[in-house]
Protein backbone atom coordinates (compact mmCIF):
# COMPACT_ATOMS: atom_id res chain seq x y z
CA UNK A 1 0.00 0.00 0.00
CA UNK A 2 1.40 3.35 -1.06
CA UNK A 3 0.35 6.55 0.66
CA UNK A 4 0.97 9.96 -0.83
CA UNK A 5 0.06 13.13 1.02
CA UNK A 6 0.10 16.45 -0.82
CA UNK A 7 0.25 19.87 0.74
CA UNK A 8 1.04 23.45 -0.22
CA UNK A 9 -1.89 24.41 -2.41
CA UNK A 10 -3.79 27.63 -2.01
CA UNK A 11 -4.85 30.90 -3.56
CA UNK A 12 -2.25 33.10 -5.21
CA UNK A 13 -2.29 36.05 -7.57
CA UNK A 14 -1.06 35.72 -11.13
CA UNK A 15 2.71 35.99 -11.24
CA UNK A 16 3.08 34.52 -7.78
CA UNK A 17 4.64 31.30 -6.58
CA UNK A 18 3.65 28.19 -4.69
CA UNK A 19 5.52 25.07 -3.66
CA UNK A 20 3.66 21.78 -3.47
CA UNK A 21 4.93 18.89 -1.39
CA UNK A 22 4.23 15.18 -1.70
CA UNK A 23 5.23 12.99 1.22
CA UNK A 24 5.45 9.32 0.30
CA UNK A 25 5.28 6.27 2.52
CA UNK A 26 8.47 4.32 2.12
CA UNK A 27 11.57 5.08 0.10
CA UNK A 28 10.91 7.23 -2.99
CA UNK A 29 13.66 5.34 -4.79
CA UNK A 30 11.38 2.31 -4.74
CA UNK A 31 9.27 4.03 -7.39
CA UNK A 32 9.98 4.05 -11.12
CA UNK A 33 8.58 7.53 -11.46
CA UNK A 34 6.87 10.17 -9.40
CA UNK A 35 5.04 13.10 -10.77
CA UNK A 36 2.55 15.88 -10.50
CA UNK A 37 -0.67 15.87 -12.47
CA UNK A 38 -3.49 18.36 -12.51
CA UNK A 39 -7.15 18.42 -13.36
CA UNK A 40 -9.10 21.57 -14.05
CA UNK A 41 -12.92 21.64 -13.96
CA UNK A 42 -14.36 20.00 -17.06
CA UNK A 43 -10.95 18.84 -18.28
CA UNK A 44 -9.03 15.60 -18.21
CA UNK A 45 -6.19 15.01 -15.83
CA UNK A 46 -2.89 15.99 -17.44
CA UNK A 47 0.74 15.40 -16.63
CA UNK A 48 2.59 18.46 -15.36
CA UNK A 49 6.02 17.20 -14.29
CA UNK A 50 7.68 13.81 -13.87
CA UNK A 51 10.86 12.73 -12.13
CA UNK A 52 12.27 9.27 -12.71
CA UNK A 53 14.15 6.98 -10.37
CA UNK A 54 17.42 8.21 -11.94
CA UNK A 55 16.50 11.85 -11.51
CA UNK A 56 15.53 12.67 -15.08
CA UNK A 57 12.71 15.17 -15.39
CA UNK A 58 10.04 15.89 -17.95
CA UNK A 59 7.62 18.81 -18.12
CA UNK A 60 4.47 19.72 -19.95
CA UNK A 61 5.14 22.41 -22.53
CA UNK A 62 2.75 24.76 -20.76
CA UNK A 63 4.87 24.82 -17.59
CA UNK A 64 8.43 24.60 -18.94
CA UNK A 65 10.61 27.32 -17.53
CA UNK A 66 8.09 28.09 -14.77
CA UNK A 67 7.75 24.86 -12.78
CA UNK A 68 10.44 22.61 -11.32
CA UNK A 69 10.11 19.14 -9.83
CA UNK A 70 12.70 17.97 -7.35
CA UNK A 71 13.01 15.60 -4.44
CA UNK A 72 14.41 15.48 -0.94
CA UNK A 73 15.72 11.94 -0.71
CA UNK A 74 16.03 11.55 3.03
CA UNK A 75 12.57 12.98 3.64
CA UNK A 76 10.91 10.81 0.95
CA UNK A 77 9.31 13.94 -0.42
CA UNK A 78 8.85 15.26 -3.93
CA UNK A 79 8.21 18.94 -4.54
CA UNK A 80 6.78 21.05 -7.31
CA UNK A 81 8.02 24.62 -7.32
CA UNK A 82 5.61 26.74 -9.32
CA UNK A 83 6.66 30.25 -10.34
CA UNK A 84 5.09 32.86 -12.60
CA UNK A 85 1.71 31.29 -12.03
CA UNK A 86 -1.09 31.98 -14.48
CA UNK A 87 -4.86 31.73 -14.07
CA UNK A 88 -4.82 28.75 -16.43
CA UNK A 89 -2.71 26.86 -13.87
CA UNK A 90 -5.78 26.71 -11.64
CA UNK A 91 -6.58 23.05 -10.96
CA UNK A 92 -6.49 20.29 -8.42
CA UNK A 93 -2.91 19.01 -8.35
CA UNK A 94 -2.28 15.34 -7.66
CA UNK A 95 0.91 13.59 -6.73
CA UNK A 96 1.41 10.19 -8.32
CA UNK A 97 3.93 7.38 -7.95
CA UNK A 98 4.53 4.36 -10.16
CA UNK A 99 5.72 1.22 -8.41
CA UNK A 100 8.72 -0.61 -9.82
CA UNK A 101 7.45 -4.12 -10.41
CA UNK A 102 3.72 -3.84 -10.94
CA UNK A 103 3.97 -0.46 -12.74
CA UNK A 104 0.88 0.60 -10.82
CA UNK A 105 0.19 4.29 -10.30
CA UNK A 106 -0.86 5.44 -6.85
CA UNK A 107 -2.38 8.84 -6.16
CA UNK A 108 -2.67 11.32 -3.37
CA UNK A 109 -5.89 13.07 -2.44
CA UNK A 110 -5.06 16.23 -4.37
CA UNK A 111 -4.51 19.83 -3.40
CA UNK A 112 -6.30 22.84 -4.87
CA UNK A 113 -4.31 25.57 -6.58
CA UNK A 114 -6.19 28.70 -7.55
CA UNK A 115 -4.52 31.55 -9.42
CA UNK A 116 -6.43 34.80 -9.57
CA UNK A 117 -5.98 37.32 -12.36
C-alpha atoms as a PDB file:
ATOM      1  CA  UNK A   1       0.000   0.000   0.000  1.00  0.00           C
ATOM      2  CA  UNK A   2       1.403   3.355  -1.056  1.00  0.00           C
ATOM      3  CA  UNK A   3       0.354   6.551   0.664  1.00  0.00           C
ATOM      4  CA  UNK A   4       0.967   9.957  -0.831  1.00  0.00           C
ATOM      5  CA  UNK A   5       0.058  13.127   1.020  1.00  0.00           C
ATOM      6  CA  UNK A   6       0.099  16.450  -0.820  1.00  0.00           C
ATOM      7  CA  UNK A   7       0.254  19.875   0.744  1.00  0.00           C
ATOM      8  CA  UNK A   8       1.038  23.445  -0.217  1.00  0.00           C
ATOM      9  CA  UNK A   9      -1.885  24.409  -2.412  1.00  0.00           C
ATOM     10  CA  UNK A  10      -3.786  27.632  -2.009  1.00  0.00           C
ATOM     11  CA  UNK A  11      -4.850  30.903  -3.557  1.00  0.00           C
ATOM     12  CA  UNK A  12      -2.252  33.102  -5.215  1.00  0.00           C
ATOM     13  CA  UNK A  13      -2.287  36.054  -7.574  1.00  0.00           C
ATOM     14  CA  UNK A  14      -1.061  35.719 -11.130  1.00  0.00           C
ATOM     15  CA  UNK A  15       2.713  35.985 -11.236  1.00  0.00           C
ATOM     16  CA  UNK A  16       3.079  34.523  -7.783  1.00  0.00           C
ATOM     17  CA  UNK A  17       4.640  31.299  -6.579  1.00  0.00           C
ATOM     18  CA  UNK A  18       3.655  28.189  -4.686  1.00  0.00           C
ATOM     19  CA  UNK A  19       5.519  25.065  -3.655  1.00  0.00           C
ATOM     20  CA  UNK A  20       3.657  21.782  -3.473  1.00  0.00           C
ATOM     21  CA  UNK A  21       4.933  18.886  -1.388  1.00  0.00           C
ATOM     22  CA  UNK A  22       4.232  15.179  -1.701  1.00  0.00           C
ATOM     23  CA  UNK A  23       5.233  12.992   1.221  1.00  0.00           C
ATOM     24  CA  UNK A  24       5.447   9.319   0.301  1.00  0.00           C
ATOM     25  CA  UNK A  25       5.278   6.273   2.519  1.00  0.00           C
ATOM     26  CA  UNK A  26       8.474   4.317   2.121  1.00  0.00           C
ATOM     27  CA  UNK A  27      11.570   5.083   0.101  1.00  0.00           C
ATOM     28  CA  UNK A  28      10.905   7.226  -2.988  1.00  0.00           C
ATOM     29  CA  UNK A  29      13.662   5.339  -4.788  1.00  0.00           C
ATOM     30  CA  UNK A  30      11.380   2.315  -4.739  1.00  0.00           C
ATOM     31  CA  UNK A  31       9.268   4.033  -7.394  1.00  0.00           C
ATOM     32  CA  UNK A  32       9.981   4.053 -11.119  1.00  0.00           C
ATOM     33  CA  UNK A  33       8.581   7.531 -11.459  1.00  0.00           C
ATOM     34  CA  UNK A  34       6.867  10.172  -9.397  1.00  0.00           C
ATOM     35  CA  UNK A  35       5.037  13.096 -10.769  1.00  0.00           C
ATOM     36  CA  UNK A  36       2.553  15.882 -10.504  1.00  0.00           C
ATOM     37  CA  UNK A  37      -0.669  15.870 -12.473  1.00  0.00           C
ATOM     38  CA  UNK A  38      -3.488  18.357 -12.507  1.00  0.00           C
ATOM     39  CA  UNK A  39      -7.153  18.418 -13.359  1.00  0.00           C
ATOM     40  CA  UNK A  40      -9.104  21.568 -14.046  1.00  0.00           C
ATOM     41  CA  UNK A  41     -12.924  21.637 -13.961  1.00  0.00           C
ATOM     42  CA  UNK A  42     -14.361  20.000 -17.060  1.00  0.00           C
ATOM     43  CA  UNK A  43     -10.951  18.838 -18.277  1.00  0.00           C
ATOM     44  CA  UNK A  44      -9.033  15.595 -18.212  1.00  0.00           C
ATOM     45  CA  UNK A  45      -6.187  15.009 -15.827  1.00  0.00           C
ATOM     46  CA  UNK A  46      -2.892  15.988 -17.443  1.00  0.00           C
ATOM     47  CA  UNK A  47       0.737  15.399 -16.634  1.00  0.00           C
ATOM     48  CA  UNK A  48       2.586  18.455 -15.359  1.00  0.00           C
ATOM     49  CA  UNK A  49       6.023  17.197 -14.288  1.00  0.00           C
ATOM     50  CA  UNK A  50       7.681  13.806 -13.871  1.00  0.00           C
ATOM     51  CA  UNK A  51      10.864  12.728 -12.135  1.00  0.00           C
ATOM     52  CA  UNK A  52      12.274   9.270 -12.714  1.00  0.00           C
ATOM     53  CA  UNK A  53      14.155   6.978 -10.369  1.00  0.00           C
ATOM     54  CA  UNK A  54      17.423   8.210 -11.940  1.00  0.00           C
ATOM     55  CA  UNK A  55      16.502  11.847 -11.509  1.00  0.00           C
ATOM     56  CA  UNK A  56      15.526  12.666 -15.078  1.00  0.00           C
ATOM     57  CA  UNK A  57      12.712  15.173 -15.393  1.00  0.00           C
ATOM     58  CA  UNK A  58      10.040  15.895 -17.948  1.00  0.00           C
ATOM     59  CA  UNK A  59       7.622  18.809 -18.121  1.00  0.00           C
ATOM     60  CA  UNK A  60       4.469  19.716 -19.950  1.00  0.00           C
ATOM     61  CA  UNK A  61       5.144  22.409 -22.531  1.00  0.00           C
ATOM     62  CA  UNK A  62       2.746  24.760 -20.755  1.00  0.00           C
ATOM     63  CA  UNK A  63       4.874  24.824 -17.592  1.00  0.00           C
ATOM     64  CA  UNK A  64       8.428  24.597 -18.940  1.00  0.00           C
ATOM     65  CA  UNK A  65      10.614  27.315 -17.528  1.00  0.00           C
ATOM     66  CA  UNK A  66       8.094  28.089 -14.766  1.00  0.00           C
ATOM     67  CA  UNK A  67       7.752  24.864 -12.781  1.00  0.00           C
ATOM     68  CA  UNK A  68      10.436  22.609 -11.324  1.00  0.00           C
ATOM     69  CA  UNK A  69      10.106  19.141  -9.834  1.00  0.00           C
ATOM     70  CA  UNK A  70      12.698  17.965  -7.354  1.00  0.00           C
ATOM     71  CA  UNK A  71      13.012  15.596  -4.439  1.00  0.00           C
ATOM     72  CA  UNK A  72      14.411  15.482  -0.937  1.00  0.00           C
ATOM     73  CA  UNK A  73      15.722  11.940  -0.707  1.00  0.00           C
ATOM     74  CA  UNK A  74      16.031  11.551   3.029  1.00  0.00           C
ATOM     75  CA  UNK A  75      12.569  12.981   3.636  1.00  0.00           C
ATOM     76  CA  UNK A  76      10.911  10.807   0.953  1.00  0.00           C
ATOM     77  CA  UNK A  77       9.311  13.943  -0.424  1.00  0.00           C
ATOM     78  CA  UNK A  78       8.853  15.259  -3.933  1.00  0.00           C
ATOM     79  CA  UNK A  79       8.209  18.942  -4.538  1.00  0.00           C
ATOM     80  CA  UNK A  80       6.778  21.051  -7.308  1.00  0.00           C
ATOM     81  CA  UNK A  81       8.017  24.624  -7.321  1.00  0.00           C
ATOM     82  CA  UNK A  82       5.613  26.745  -9.320  1.00  0.00           C
ATOM     83  CA  UNK A  83       6.663  30.254 -10.337  1.00  0.00           C
ATOM     84  CA  UNK A  84       5.088  32.863 -12.600  1.00  0.00           C
ATOM     85  CA  UNK A  85       1.705  31.286 -12.026  1.00  0.00           C
ATOM     86  CA  UNK A  86      -1.090  31.981 -14.479  1.00  0.00           C
ATOM     87  CA  UNK A  87      -4.863  31.725 -14.068  1.00  0.00           C
ATOM     88  CA  UNK A  88      -4.820  28.746 -16.427  1.00  0.00           C
ATOM     89  CA  UNK A  89      -2.711  26.865 -13.870  1.00  0.00           C
ATOM     90  CA  UNK A  90      -5.781  26.713 -11.641  1.00  0.00           C
ATOM     91  CA  UNK A  91      -6.579  23.055 -10.964  1.00  0.00           C
ATOM     92  CA  UNK A  92      -6.490  20.289  -8.415  1.00  0.00           C
ATOM     93  CA  UNK A  93      -2.914  19.006  -8.348  1.00  0.00           C
ATOM     94  CA  UNK A  94      -2.279  15.335  -7.658  1.00  0.00           C
ATOM     95  CA  UNK A  95       0.907  13.589  -6.728  1.00  0.00           C
ATOM     96  CA  UNK A  96       1.413  10.187  -8.317  1.00  0.00           C
ATOM     97  CA  UNK A  97       3.934   7.380  -7.954  1.00  0.00           C
ATOM     98  CA  UNK A  98       4.526   4.359 -10.161  1.00  0.00           C
ATOM     99  CA  UNK A  99       5.723   1.224  -8.407  1.00  0.00           C
ATOM    100  CA  UNK A 100       8.717  -0.611  -9.820  1.00  0.00           C
ATOM    101  CA  UNK A 101       7.454  -4.119 -10.413  1.00  0.00           C
ATOM    102  CA  UNK A 102       3.724  -3.837 -10.939  1.00  0.00           C
ATOM    103  CA  UNK A 103       3.973  -0.455 -12.737  1.00  0.00           C
ATOM    104  CA  UNK A 104       0.882   0.596 -10.821  1.00  0.00           C
ATOM    105  CA  UNK A 105       0.186   4.286 -10.297  1.00  0.00           C
ATOM    106  CA  UNK A 106      -0.860   5.437  -6.850  1.00  0.00           C
ATOM    107  CA  UNK A 107      -2.376   8.843  -6.160  1.00  0.00           C
ATOM    108  CA  UNK A 108      -2.666  11.324  -3.374  1.00  0.00           C
ATOM    109  CA  UNK A 109      -5.888  13.072  -2.438  1.00  0.00           C
ATOM    110  CA  UNK A 110      -5.065  16.228  -4.375  1.00  0.00           C
ATOM    111  CA  UNK A 111      -4.508  19.835  -3.400  1.00  0.00           C
ATOM    112  CA  UNK A 112      -6.298  22.836  -4.871  1.00  0.00           C
ATOM    113  CA  UNK A 113      -4.308  25.571  -6.580  1.00  0.00           C
ATOM    114  CA  UNK A 114      -6.191  28.702  -7.552  1.00  0.00           C
ATOM    115  CA  UNK A 115      -4.521  31.546  -9.424  1.00  0.00           C
ATOM    116  CA  UNK A 116      -6.434  34.795  -9.568  1.00  0.00           C
ATOM    117  CA  UNK A 117      -5.984  37.318 -12.363  1.00  0.00           C
END
